[in-house]
Amino acid sequence: MIKRAIILLVFIGFTGRYATAQKITYGVKISGGFSYQQIHNPEILSASSIKTFNIKGIAQMPVKDGYWLEAGLGISGKGSVVFNDALTTTTHLTYLELPVNVLRKFTFTDLGVFYVGAGGYLATGLSGKLNYETPGSMSSDKIRFGKNDDATKFDTGLNFSSGFEFRNRVTFNMAFTLGLNNIASTTQQDTGTAVVRNREFAIGLGYLFK
């Protein structure tokens, strides 16, 4: 994970030498949304989403002809609700996430700039919680990250985003993250859960410091 992050940071620094402007724009984005998980387990009756909260700092750098490179670092929530007979299991995961995206910006009259973007992310698990509920009881347990524990620690995936940057530097943002890494631990796979992949849709606001 650390090596991958270093490679991305080196890439960002190298690309910066060819930016059309020297000034980098910094900002912060806060969003809330819904997260669910792609789960392959024949014993699961159904699955649902949970509400999530994300916050991250970002840096944007112009590259060429309306294209920008955006990198960030922040906290991201993921998880899902799984229904299995009389047992309902709610999973909450908190990650430290490093997204890197390429944005294409379009000037929209005098209101501001519309953008679309795509890229990828790297994430490492910070904490998590499992809530168990049956008709007669409720309990919870902390998630342990590890190959032989509750979930693997690292996650990777793709980002797809869109939004609007107003002239007053306030931004409106929408994003969808598509996890590619199977975070199911060996223990989960041995008990029937072959695949667990994170998914999230979020909407939020931000502010750019120029």
C-alpha atoms as a PDB file:
ATOM      1  CA  MET A   1       0.000   0.000   0.000  1.00  0.00           C
ATOM      2  CA  ILE A   2       2.747   2.472   0.949  1.00  0.00           C
ATOM      3  CA  LYS A   3       4.735   1.682  -2.188  1.00  0.00           C
ATOM      4  CA  ARG A   4       1.674   2.271  -4.369  1.00  0.00           C
ATOM      5  CA  ALA A   5       0.993   5.606  -2.686  1.00  0.00           C
ATOM      6  CA  ILE A   6       4.609   6.696  -3.222  1.00  0.00           C
ATOM      7  CA  ILE A   7       4.393   5.772  -6.918  1.00  0.00           C
ATOM      8  CA  LEU A   8       1.219   7.846  -7.302  1.00  0.00           C
ATOM      9  CA  LEU A   9       2.750  10.840  -5.543  1.00  0.00           C
ATOM     10  CA  VAL A  10       5.855  10.633  -7.744  1.00  0.00           C
ATOM     11  CA  PHE A  11       3.615  10.487 -10.809  1.00  0.00           C
ATOM     12  CA  ILE A  12       1.711  13.571  -9.663  1.00  0.00           C
ATOM     13  CA  GLY A  13       4.939  15.459  -9.064  1.00  0.00           C
ATOM     14  CA  PHE A  14       6.342  14.462 -12.460  1.00  0.00           C
ATOM     15  CA  THR A  15       3.175  15.503 -14.261  1.00  0.00           C
ATOM     16  CA  GLY A  16       3.277  18.846 -12.482  1.00  0.00           C
ATOM     17  CA  ARG A  17       6.359  19.827 -14.499  1.00  0.00           C
ATOM     18  CA  TYR A  18       4.172  19.901 -17.605  1.00  0.00           C
ATOM     19  CA  ALA A  19       1.207  21.758 -16.124  1.00  0.00           C
ATOM     20  CA  THR A  20      -0.002  24.766 -18.054  1.00  0.00           C
ATOM     21  CA  ALA A  21      -0.079  26.824 -14.865  1.00  0.00           C
ATOM     22  CA  GLN A  22       2.148  26.791 -11.827  1.00  0.00           C
ATOM     23  CA  LYS A  23      -0.557  27.364  -9.252  1.00  0.00           C
ATOM     24  CA  ILE A  24      -2.212  24.318  -7.687  1.00  0.00           C
ATOM     25  CA  THR A  25      -5.756  24.627  -6.341  1.00  0.00           C
ATOM     26  CA  TYR A  26      -6.472  23.098  -2.938  1.00  0.00           C
ATOM     27  CA  GLY A  27      -9.820  22.304  -1.422  1.00  0.00           C
ATOM     28  CA  VAL A  28     -11.959  20.125   0.792  1.00  0.00           C
ATOM     29  CA  LYS A  29     -14.963  17.946  -0.037  1.00  0.00           C
ATOM     30  CA  ILE A  30     -17.578  16.564   2.360  1.00  0.00           C
ATOM     31  CA  SER A  31     -20.200  14.097   1.190  1.00  0.00           C
ATOM     32  CA  GLY A  32     -22.795  11.622   2.322  1.00  0.00           C
ATOM     33  CA  GLY A  33     -24.384   8.770   0.494  1.00  0.00           C
ATOM     34  CA  PHE A  34     -25.154   5.099   0.344  1.00  0.00           C
ATOM     35  CA  SER A  35     -22.757   2.186   0.349  1.00  0.00           C
ATOM     36  CA  TYR A  36     -23.435  -1.432  -0.452  1.00  0.00           C
ATOM     37  CA  GLN A  37     -21.345  -4.492  -1.228  1.00  0.00           C
ATOM     38  CA  GLN A  38     -21.294  -7.026  -4.016  1.00  0.00           C
ATOM     39  CA  ILE A  39     -21.415 -10.275  -2.043  1.00  0.00           C
ATOM     40  CA  HIS A  40     -21.295 -13.810  -3.409  1.00  0.00           C
ATOM     41  CA  ASN A  41     -22.756 -16.188  -0.832  1.00  0.00           C
ATOM     42  CA  PRO A  42     -25.594 -18.609  -1.710  1.00  0.00           C
ATOM     43  CA  GLU A  43     -26.915 -18.545   1.882  1.00  0.00           C
ATOM     44  CA  ILE A  44     -27.658 -14.797   1.840  1.00  0.00           C
ATOM     45  CA  LEU A  45     -31.320 -14.013   1.246  1.00  0.00           C
ATOM     46  CA  SER A  46     -30.830 -10.337   0.356  1.00  0.00           C
ATOM     47  CA  ALA A  47     -28.621  -7.306   0.957  1.00  0.00           C
ATOM     48  CA  SER A  48     -29.148  -3.590   1.381  1.00  0.00           C
ATOM     49  CA  SER A  49     -27.178  -0.358   1.717  1.00  0.00           C
ATOM     50  CA  ILE A  50     -26.042   1.769   4.657  1.00  0.00           C
ATOM     51  CA  LYS A  51     -25.618   5.533   4.974  1.00  0.00           C
ATOM     52  CA  THR A  52     -22.033   6.745   4.765  1.00  0.00           C
ATOM     53  CA  PHE A  53     -19.995   9.911   5.369  1.00  0.00           C
ATOM     54  CA  ASN A  54     -16.784  10.999   3.621  1.00  0.00           C
ATOM     55  CA  ILE A  55     -14.352  13.881   4.020  1.00  0.00           C
ATOM     56  CA  LYS A  56     -11.145  14.537   2.124  1.00  0.00           C
ATOM     57  CA  GLY A  57      -8.669  17.214   1.205  1.00  0.00           C
ATOM     58  CA  ILE A  58      -7.882  17.603  -2.484  1.00  0.00           C
ATOM     59  CA  ALA A  59      -5.350  19.232  -4.790  1.00  0.00           C
ATOM     60  CA  GLN A  60      -6.115  20.042  -8.431  1.00  0.00           C
ATOM     61  CA  MET A  61      -3.552  20.821 -11.094  1.00  0.00           C
ATOM     62  CA  PRO A  62      -4.224  21.932 -14.688  1.00  0.00           C
ATOM     63  CA  VAL A  63      -2.622  19.696 -17.284  1.00  0.00           C
ATOM     64  CA  LYS A  64      -3.741  20.684 -20.795  1.00  0.00           C
ATOM     65  CA  ASP A  65      -6.784  21.823 -22.808  1.00  0.00           C
ATOM     66  CA  GLY A  66      -9.283  21.772 -19.949  1.00  0.00           C
ATOM     67  CA  TYR A  67      -7.939  18.585 -18.353  1.00  0.00           C
ATOM     68  CA  TRP A  68      -6.985  18.594 -14.681  1.00  0.00           C
ATOM     69  CA  LEU A  69      -5.319  16.083 -12.390  1.00  0.00           C
ATOM     70  CA  GLU A  70      -6.931  15.750  -8.972  1.00  0.00           C
ATOM     71  CA  ALA A  71      -5.467  13.876  -6.000  1.00  0.00           C
ATOM     72  CA  GLY A  72      -6.869  13.637  -2.493  1.00  0.00           C
ATOM     73  CA  LEU A  73      -6.537  12.067   0.914  1.00  0.00           C
ATOM     74  CA  GLY A  74      -9.341  11.487   3.368  1.00  0.00           C
ATOM     75  CA  ILE A  75     -11.706   9.276   5.320  1.00  0.00           C
ATOM     76  CA  SER A  76     -14.273   7.134   3.528  1.00  0.00           C
ATOM     77  CA  GLY A  77     -17.099   4.974   4.865  1.00  0.00           C
ATOM     78  CA  LYS A  78     -18.215   1.697   3.276  1.00  0.00           C
ATOM     79  CA  GLY A  79     -20.382  -1.264   4.233  1.00  0.00           C
ATOM     80  CA  SER A  80     -23.738  -2.997   3.798  1.00  0.00           C
ATOM     81  CA  VAL A  81     -26.641  -4.810   5.466  1.00  0.00           C
ATOM     82  CA  VAL A  82     -27.039  -8.558   4.905  1.00  0.00           C
ATOM     83  CA  PHE A  83     -30.178 -10.586   5.671  1.00  0.00           C
ATOM     84  CA  ASN A  84     -29.718 -14.272   6.350  1.00  0.00           C
ATOM     85  CA  ASP A  85     -32.740 -16.163   7.768  1.00  0.00           C
ATOM     86  CA  ALA A  86     -33.379 -14.649  11.221  1.00  0.00           C
ATOM     87  CA  LEU A  87     -30.008 -12.887  11.390  1.00  0.00           C
ATOM     88  CA  THR A  88     -29.350  -9.365  10.090  1.00  0.00           C
ATOM     89  CA  THR A  89     -25.687  -8.291   9.890  1.00  0.00           C
ATOM     90  CA  THR A  90     -24.725  -4.646   9.361  1.00  0.00           C
ATOM     91  CA  THR A  91     -21.134  -3.932   8.361  1.00  0.00           C
ATOM     92  CA  HIS A  92     -19.525  -0.509   8.843  1.00  0.00           C
ATOM     93  CA  LEU A  93     -16.005   0.031   7.456  1.00  0.00           C
ATOM     94  CA  THR A  94     -13.844   3.148   7.709  1.00  0.00           C
ATOM     95  CA  TYR A  95     -10.935   3.599   5.275  1.00  0.00           C
ATOM     96  CA  LEU A  96      -8.086   6.012   4.764  1.00  0.00           C
ATOM     97  CA  GLU A  97      -8.437   6.626   1.041  1.00  0.00           C
ATOM     98  CA  LEU A  98      -6.143   8.075  -1.635  1.00  0.00           C
ATOM     99  CA  PRO A  99      -8.064   8.893  -4.849  1.00  0.00           C
ATOM    100  CA  VAL A 100      -6.436  10.124  -8.073  1.00  0.00           C
ATOM    101  CA  ASN A 101      -8.679  11.353 -10.906  1.00  0.00           C
ATOM    102  CA  VAL A 102      -8.460  13.028 -14.293  1.00  0.00           C
ATOM    103  CA  LEU A 103     -11.081  15.780 -14.664  1.00  0.00           C
ATOM    104  CA  ARG A 104     -12.397  17.473 -17.783  1.00  0.00           C
ATOM    105  CA  LYS A 105     -13.765  20.944 -17.046  1.00  0.00           C
ATOM    106  CA  PHE A 106     -16.216  22.930 -19.165  1.00  0.00           C
ATOM    107  CA  THR A 107     -16.971  26.603 -18.587  1.00  0.00           C
ATOM    108  CA  PHE A 108     -20.710  27.052 -18.118  1.00  0.00           C
ATOM    109  CA  THR A 109     -21.723  30.681 -18.851  1.00  0.00           C
ATOM    110  CA  ASP A 110     -20.951  32.941 -15.872  1.00  0.00           C
ATOM    111  CA  LEU A 111     -22.116  30.527 -13.204  1.00  0.00           C
ATOM    112  CA  GLY A 112     -18.987  28.420 -13.039  1.00  0.00           C
ATOM    113  CA  VAL A 113     -17.447  25.226 -14.347  1.00  0.00           C
ATOM    114  CA  PHE A 114     -19.031  21.823 -14.959  1.00  0.00           C
ATOM    115  CA  TYR A 115     -16.743  18.792 -14.737  1.00  0.00           C
ATOM    116  CA  VAL A 116     -16.695  15.039 -15.262  1.00  0.00           C
ATOM    117  CA  GLY A 117     -13.923  12.756 -14.128  1.00  0.00           C
ATOM    118  CA  ALA A 118     -12.628   9.237 -13.701  1.00  0.00           C
ATOM    119  CA  GLY A 119      -9.709   7.585 -11.968  1.00  0.00           C
ATOM    120  CA  GLY A 120      -8.825   5.147  -9.234  1.00  0.00           C
ATOM    121  CA  TYR A 121      -8.252   4.873  -5.520  1.00  0.00           C
ATOM    122  CA  LEU A 122      -6.186   3.033  -2.951  1.00  0.00           C
ATOM    123  CA  ALA A 123      -7.519   2.517   0.566  1.00  0.00           C
ATOM    124  CA  THR A 124      -6.455   0.942   3.835  1.00  0.00           C
ATOM    125  CA  GLY A 125      -8.851  -0.090   6.594  1.00  0.00           C
ATOM    126  CA  LEU A 126      -8.763   1.974   9.778  1.00  0.00           C
ATOM    127  CA  SER A 127     -11.653   0.550  11.771  1.00  0.00           C
ATOM    128  CA  GLY A 128     -14.923  -1.280  11.436  1.00  0.00           C
ATOM    129  CA  LYS A 129     -17.904  -2.682  13.276  1.00  0.00           C
ATOM    130  CA  LEU A 130     -20.279  -5.592  12.844  1.00  0.00           C
ATOM    131  CA  ASN A 131     -23.799  -5.282  14.258  1.00  0.00           C
ATOM    132  CA  TYR A 132     -25.849  -8.479  14.671  1.00  0.00           C
ATOM    133  CA  GLU A 133     -29.621  -8.474  15.134  1.00  0.00           C
ATOM    134  CA  THR A 134     -32.071 -11.338  15.612  1.00  0.00           C
ATOM    135  CA  PRO A 135     -35.747 -11.190  16.651  1.00  0.00           C
ATOM    136  CA  GLY A 136     -34.697 -11.502  20.294  1.00  0.00           C
ATOM    137  CA  SER A 137     -31.197 -10.044  20.567  1.00  0.00           C
ATOM    138  CA  MET A 138     -28.697  -7.437  19.424  1.00  0.00           C
ATOM    139  CA  SER A 139     -24.901  -7.525  19.651  1.00  0.00           C
ATOM    140  CA  SER A 140     -21.833  -5.996  18.016  1.00  0.00           C
ATOM    141  CA  ASP A 141     -18.164  -6.669  17.473  1.00  0.00           C
ATOM    142  CA  LYS A 142     -15.169  -4.740  16.188  1.00  0.00           C
ATOM    143  CA  ILE A 143     -13.868  -5.736  12.770  1.00  0.00           C
ATOM    144  CA  ARG A 144     -10.365  -7.176  12.646  1.00  0.00           C
ATOM    145  CA  PHE A 145      -8.488  -6.583   9.423  1.00  0.00           C
ATOM    146  CA  GLY A 146      -6.324  -9.381   8.114  1.00  0.00           C
ATOM    147  CA  LYS A 147      -6.173 -12.268   5.699  1.00  0.00           C
ATOM    148  CA  ASN A 148      -7.433 -14.672   8.343  1.00  0.00           C
ATOM    149  CA  ASP A 149      -9.747 -12.259  10.182  1.00  0.00           C
ATOM    150  CA  ASP A 150     -12.994 -10.468   9.283  1.00  0.00           C
ATOM    151  CA  ALA A 151     -11.865  -8.603   6.136  1.00  0.00           C
ATOM    152  CA  THR A 152      -8.649  -7.887   4.283  1.00  0.00           C
ATOM    153  CA  LYS A 153      -7.111  -4.506   5.055  1.00  0.00           C
ATOM    154  CA  PHE A 154      -6.534  -3.008   1.590  1.00  0.00           C
ATOM    155  CA  ASP A 155      -9.011  -1.986  -1.073  1.00  0.00           C
ATOM    156  CA  THR A 156      -8.601  -0.629  -4.602  1.00  0.00           C
ATOM    157  CA  GLY A 157     -11.077   0.459  -7.225  1.00  0.00           C
ATOM    158  CA  LEU A 158     -12.340   2.991  -9.747  1.00  0.00           C
ATOM    159  CA  ASN A 159     -13.831   6.470  -9.284  1.00  0.00           C
ATOM    160  CA  PHE A 160     -16.432   8.168 -11.471  1.00  0.00           C
ATOM    161  CA  SER A 161     -17.378  11.745 -10.641  1.00  0.00           C
ATOM    162  CA  SER A 162     -19.275  14.769 -11.844  1.00  0.00           C
ATOM    163  CA  GLY A 163     -20.104  18.151 -10.417  1.00  0.00           C
ATOM    164  CA  PHE A 164     -20.142  21.906 -10.633  1.00  0.00           C
ATOM    165  CA  GLU A 165     -17.636  24.482  -9.397  1.00  0.00           C
ATOM    166  CA  PHE A 166     -19.356  27.814  -8.779  1.00  0.00           C
ATOM    167  CA  ARG A 167     -17.628  31.165  -9.158  1.00  0.00           C
ATOM    168  CA  ASN A 168     -17.708  31.657  -5.379  1.00  0.00           C
ATOM    169  CA  ARG A 169     -15.495  28.517  -5.049  1.00  0.00           C
ATOM    170  CA  VAL A 170     -18.274  26.343  -3.592  1.00  0.00           C
ATOM    171  CA  THR A 171     -18.554  22.991  -5.355  1.00  0.00           C
ATOM    172  CA  PHE A 172     -21.367  20.485  -5.796  1.00  0.00           C
ATOM    173  CA  ASN A 173     -20.071  16.943  -6.236  1.00  0.00           C
ATOM    174  CA  MET A 174     -21.405  13.503  -7.152  1.00  0.00           C
ATOM    175  CA  ALA A 175     -19.268  10.368  -7.132  1.00  0.00           C
ATOM    176  CA  PHE A 176     -19.544   6.625  -7.575  1.00  0.00           C
ATOM    177  CA  THR A 177     -16.797   4.257  -6.436  1.00  0.00           C
ATOM    178  CA  LEU A 178     -16.513   0.745  -7.830  1.00  0.00           C
ATOM    179  CA  GLY A 179     -14.355  -1.504  -5.667  1.00  0.00           C
ATOM    180  CA  LEU A 180     -12.295  -4.029  -7.615  1.00  0.00           C
ATOM    181  CA  ASN A 181     -10.482  -5.735  -4.764  1.00  0.00           C
ATOM    182  CA  ASN A 182     -12.071  -8.764  -3.112  1.00  0.00           C
ATOM    183  CA  ILE A 183     -11.941  -7.873   0.599  1.00  0.00           C
ATOM    184  CA  ALA A 184     -13.327 -11.244   1.711  1.00  0.00           C
ATOM    185  CA  SER A 185     -10.818 -12.818   4.072  1.00  0.00           C
ATOM    186  CA  THR A 186      -9.775 -16.457   3.947  1.00  0.00           C
ATOM    187  CA  THR A 187     -12.049 -17.068   6.929  1.00  0.00           C
ATOM    188  CA  GLN A 188     -15.032 -15.604   5.055  1.00  0.00           C
ATOM    189  CA  GLN A 189     -14.270 -17.643   1.953  1.00  0.00           C
ATOM    190  CA  ASP A 190     -14.026 -20.821   4.014  1.00  0.00           C
ATOM    191  CA  THR A 191     -17.512 -20.144   5.430  1.00  0.00           C
ATOM    192  CA  GLY A 192     -19.175 -19.527   2.066  1.00  0.00           C
ATOM    193  CA  THR A 193     -18.614 -15.843   1.270  1.00  0.00           C
ATOM    194  CA  ALA A 194     -16.454 -16.049  -1.841  1.00  0.00           C
ATOM    195  CA  VAL A 195     -16.479 -12.367  -2.846  1.00  0.00           C
ATOM    196  CA  VAL A 196     -17.037  -9.006  -1.127  1.00  0.00           C
ATOM    197  CA  ARG A 197     -16.505  -5.804  -3.116  1.00  0.00           C
ATOM    198  CA  ASN A 198     -17.311  -2.259  -1.995  1.00  0.00           C
ATOM    199  CA  ARG A 199     -19.661   0.087  -3.864  1.00  0.00           C
ATOM    200  CA  GLU A 200     -20.688   3.636  -2.956  1.00  0.00           C
ATOM    201  CA  PHE A 201     -22.679   6.564  -4.338  1.00  0.00           C
ATOM    202  CA  ALA A 202     -22.204   9.935  -2.636  1.00  0.00           C
ATOM    203  CA  ILE A 203     -23.358  13.547  -3.044  1.00  0.00           C
ATOM    204  CA  GLY A 204     -21.775  16.483  -1.282  1.00  0.00           C
ATOM    205  CA  LEU A 205     -20.369  19.994  -1.167  1.00  0.00           C
ATOM    206  CA  GLY A 206     -16.854  21.366  -1.159  1.00  0.00           C
ATOM    207  CA  TYR A 207     -14.797  24.520  -1.215  1.00  0.00           C
ATOM    208  CA  LEU A 208     -11.769  25.417  -3.314  1.00  0.00           C
ATOM    209  CA  PHE A 209      -9.016  27.643  -1.900  1.00  0.00           C
ATOM    210  CA  LYS A 210      -7.335  29.628  -4.688  1.00  0.00           C
END
